[in-house]
Amino acid sequence: MGHRLSKIYTRTGDSGTTGLGDGSRVDKDSLRVEAYGTVDELNSQVGLVIAFGLNEKIAQQLLDIQHDLFDLGSELCVPGYSAISQANIDTLETILDEYNADLPALKEFILPGGNLPAATCHVARTVCRRAERLVVSLGREENINPPVVKYLNRLSDFLFVLARVLARQDGQTEVLWDKNRQTADDKN
């Protein structure tokens, strides 16, 4: 699959095309490239969450997810290749259920924030949703391995739950949406 580069620049993309893992060339703004590029962006965001010095268990789970995302991006880069399976989804569901079990039921919407790790996890969640939308769009035009969409859907759920967990670390709380709040203009 693909070639490893010993030289970073190849000049082959200077005309606005890029090579897929099967050797074919497509426009750099094609839906397939948008999809795997957004998965790459998501992987970078997950790496940023890890960089906050999370506990070892969470950091390892996120590192495993980064490996899955690299596999998923490879799958999108190589038409016809499959790397993500129901087993990947099952693993996500197991850790999602584990973290969600200790959280209080949601009664209000949560604003993305709380602390830096939680806010960064929310950014990763929104990038994940964008990747999912792009893969769904790509799936209308080309064959996509069905577990890819399921994985991204479950991952966004996991990142939401993890953001809730991270927001509550060290006695902190989540930021809840208050639809009846007074704005600064209302107070003046």
Protein backbone atom coordinates (compact mmCIF):
# COMPACT_ATOMS: atom_id res chain seq x y z
CA MET A 1 0.00 0.00 0.00
CA GLY A 2 1.43 3.35 -1.05
CA HIS A 3 5.03 4.41 -1.05
CA ARG A 4 7.09 5.79 1.78
CA LEU A 5 8.67 9.11 0.95
CA SER A 6 12.34 9.68 1.50
CA LYS A 7 11.92 13.17 0.09
CA ILE A 8 9.06 15.28 1.42
CA TYR A 9 8.34 17.32 -1.66
CA THR A 10 7.72 15.53 -4.93
CA ARG A 11 6.28 18.33 -7.09
CA THR A 12 3.68 15.85 -8.38
CA GLY A 13 0.90 17.82 -6.71
CA ASP A 14 1.89 21.22 -8.08
CA SER A 15 -0.84 21.03 -10.72
CA GLY A 16 -3.61 20.59 -8.12
CA THR A 17 -3.83 16.82 -8.14
CA THR A 18 -2.76 14.22 -5.62
CA GLY A 19 -2.06 10.52 -5.73
CA LEU A 20 -4.32 8.06 -3.96
CA GLY A 21 -2.93 4.95 -2.33
CA ASP A 22 -3.79 2.85 -5.37
CA GLY A 23 -1.69 5.09 -7.63
CA SER A 24 -4.58 6.91 -9.28
CA ARG A 25 -4.61 10.70 -9.33
CA VAL A 26 -7.50 12.94 -8.31
CA ASP A 27 -8.05 16.65 -7.77
CA LYS A 28 -6.89 17.84 -4.36
CA ASP A 29 -10.37 19.16 -3.63
CA SER A 30 -12.15 15.92 -4.51
CA LEU A 31 -14.64 14.58 -1.98
CA ARG A 32 -12.40 11.59 -1.24
CA VAL A 33 -9.43 13.84 -0.43
CA GLU A 34 -11.67 16.13 1.65
CA ALA A 35 -12.87 13.09 3.61
CA TYR A 36 -9.48 11.58 4.40
CA GLY A 37 -7.99 15.04 4.94
CA THR A 38 -10.64 15.76 7.56
CA VAL A 39 -9.93 12.41 9.23
CA ASP A 40 -6.27 13.50 9.36
CA GLU A 41 -7.35 16.80 10.93
CA LEU A 42 -9.40 14.85 13.47
CA ASN A 43 -6.40 12.67 14.27
CA SER A 44 -4.37 15.82 14.93
CA GLN A 45 -7.09 17.16 17.22
CA VAL A 46 -7.12 13.88 19.19
CA GLY A 47 -3.33 14.22 19.51
CA LEU A 48 -3.86 17.69 20.94
CA VAL A 49 -6.25 16.31 23.56
CA ILE A 50 -3.62 13.74 24.55
CA ALA A 51 -1.02 16.53 24.87
CA PHE A 52 -2.84 17.92 27.90
CA GLY A 53 -1.28 15.22 30.05
CA LEU A 54 -4.37 13.09 30.64
CA ASN A 55 -4.31 10.08 32.90
CA GLU A 56 -2.57 7.07 31.39
CA LYS A 57 -5.72 5.06 30.71
CA ILE A 58 -7.47 7.84 28.76
CA ALA A 59 -4.27 8.76 26.92
CA GLN A 60 -3.77 5.13 25.84
CA GLN A 61 -7.38 4.83 24.67
CA LEU A 62 -6.99 8.00 22.63
CA LEU A 63 -3.72 6.74 21.19
CA ASP A 64 -5.50 3.55 20.12
CA ILE A 65 -8.15 5.74 18.49
CA GLN A 66 -5.42 7.65 16.66
CA HIS A 67 -4.21 4.35 15.20
CA ASP A 68 -7.79 3.53 14.16
CA LEU A 69 -8.10 6.94 12.54
CA PHE A 70 -4.88 6.40 10.61
CA ASP A 71 -6.27 3.08 9.40
CA LEU A 72 -9.58 4.74 8.53
CA GLY A 73 -7.82 7.50 6.60
CA SER A 74 -5.79 4.86 4.76
CA GLU A 75 -9.00 3.08 3.89
CA LEU A 76 -10.40 6.30 2.39
CA CYS A 77 -7.14 6.96 0.54
CA VAL A 78 -7.07 3.54 -1.11
CA PRO A 79 -10.32 2.80 -2.96
CA GLY A 80 -11.46 -0.77 -2.27
CA TYR A 81 -9.25 -1.21 0.82
CA SER A 82 -10.90 -2.07 4.18
CA ALA A 83 -9.31 -1.61 7.59
CA ILE A 84 -12.16 -0.66 9.95
CA SER A 85 -14.51 -3.37 11.18
CA GLN A 86 -17.28 -3.95 13.68
CA ALA A 87 -14.59 -4.88 16.24
CA ASN A 88 -13.33 -1.26 16.17
CA ILE A 89 -16.87 -0.02 16.78
CA ASP A 90 -17.43 -2.53 19.59
CA THR A 91 -14.28 -1.31 21.34
CA LEU A 92 -15.48 2.30 21.13
CA GLU A 93 -18.90 1.35 22.50
CA THR A 94 -17.33 -0.47 25.43
CA ILE A 95 -15.22 2.49 26.55
CA LEU A 96 -18.04 4.94 25.81
CA ASP A 97 -20.43 2.97 28.04
CA GLU A 98 -17.78 2.77 30.77
CA TYR A 99 -17.31 6.55 30.93
CA ASN A 100 -20.97 7.41 30.45
CA ALA A 101 -22.05 5.15 33.36
CA ASP A 102 -20.57 7.55 35.94
CA LEU A 103 -21.95 10.77 34.41
CA PRO A 104 -25.19 12.38 35.52
CA ALA A 105 -28.08 12.29 33.04
CA LEU A 106 -28.23 15.25 30.71
CA LYS A 107 -31.01 17.72 31.49
CA GLU A 108 -29.58 20.71 29.62
CA PHE A 109 -27.41 21.23 26.57
CA ILE A 110 -23.70 21.50 27.26
CA LEU A 111 -21.65 24.34 25.83
CA PRO A 112 -18.30 23.30 24.41
CA GLY A 113 -15.84 24.43 27.04
CA GLY A 114 -15.22 23.87 30.72
CA ASN A 115 -11.44 23.60 30.71
CA LEU A 116 -8.77 23.28 28.01
CA PRO A 117 -8.82 19.47 27.71
CA ALA A 118 -12.63 19.38 27.57
CA ALA A 119 -12.88 22.28 25.11
CA THR A 120 -10.26 20.66 22.89
CA CYS A 121 -12.14 17.38 23.03
CA HIS A 122 -15.28 19.24 21.89
CA VAL A 123 -13.31 20.63 18.92
CA ALA A 124 -12.25 17.06 18.07
CA ARG A 125 -15.91 16.01 18.32
CA THR A 126 -17.03 18.67 15.85
CA VAL A 127 -14.24 17.78 13.41
CA CYS A 128 -15.34 14.15 13.74
CA ARG A 129 -18.90 15.10 12.81
CA ARG A 130 -17.60 16.98 9.76
CA ALA A 131 -15.54 13.93 8.73
CA GLU A 132 -18.64 11.78 9.12
CA ARG A 133 -20.70 14.12 6.90
CA LEU A 134 -18.01 14.06 4.22
CA VAL A 135 -17.77 10.27 4.29
CA VAL A 136 -21.56 10.01 4.00
CA SER A 137 -21.42 12.31 0.96
CA LEU A 138 -18.58 10.26 -0.52
CA GLY A 139 -20.62 7.11 0.06
CA ARG A 140 -23.31 8.48 -2.24
CA GLU A 141 -20.77 8.63 -5.07
CA GLU A 142 -18.45 5.69 -4.37
CA ASN A 143 -18.41 2.43 -2.43
CA ILE A 144 -17.45 2.99 1.20
CA ASN A 145 -16.96 0.26 3.80
CA PRO A 146 -20.12 0.67 6.01
CA PRO A 147 -18.25 0.40 9.34
CA VAL A 148 -16.38 3.65 8.51
CA VAL A 149 -19.49 5.80 8.95
CA LYS A 150 -20.53 3.85 12.06
CA TYR A 151 -17.05 4.26 13.56
CA LEU A 152 -17.05 8.03 13.03
CA ASN A 153 -20.56 8.31 14.44
CA ARG A 154 -19.62 6.35 17.56
CA LEU A 155 -16.34 8.23 17.91
CA SER A 156 -18.13 11.58 17.99
CA ASP A 157 -20.38 10.18 20.74
CA PHE A 158 -17.31 9.00 22.65
CA LEU A 159 -15.59 12.38 22.29
CA PHE A 160 -18.71 14.09 23.66
CA VAL A 161 -18.77 11.79 26.69
CA LEU A 162 -15.02 12.16 27.17
CA ALA A 163 -15.35 15.95 27.06
CA ARG A 164 -17.90 15.66 29.86
CA VAL A 165 -15.48 13.51 31.87
CA LEU A 166 -12.58 15.91 31.29
CA ALA A 167 -14.69 18.94 32.22
CA ARG A 168 -15.40 17.36 35.61
CA GLN A 169 -11.78 16.63 36.47
CA ASP A 170 -10.31 18.24 39.56
CA GLY A 171 -13.74 19.23 40.86
CA GLN A 172 -14.60 21.41 37.88
CA THR A 173 -17.98 21.39 36.14
CA GLU A 174 -19.46 21.44 32.68
CA VAL A 175 -20.78 24.66 31.18
CA LEU A 176 -24.53 24.32 30.68
CA TRP A 177 -26.55 26.29 28.15
CA ASP A 178 -28.96 28.68 29.86
CA LYS A 179 -31.73 29.64 27.47
CA ASN A 180 -33.10 32.18 29.98
CA ARG A 181 -29.79 33.90 30.70
CA GLN A 182 -29.44 37.63 30.84
CA THR A 183 -27.10 39.01 28.22
CA ALA A 184 -24.78 41.94 28.84
CA ASP A 185 -27.24 44.15 26.95
CA ASP A 186 -30.09 42.98 29.18
CA LYS A 187 -28.13 43.94 32.32
CA ASN A 188 -27.52 47.52 31.16
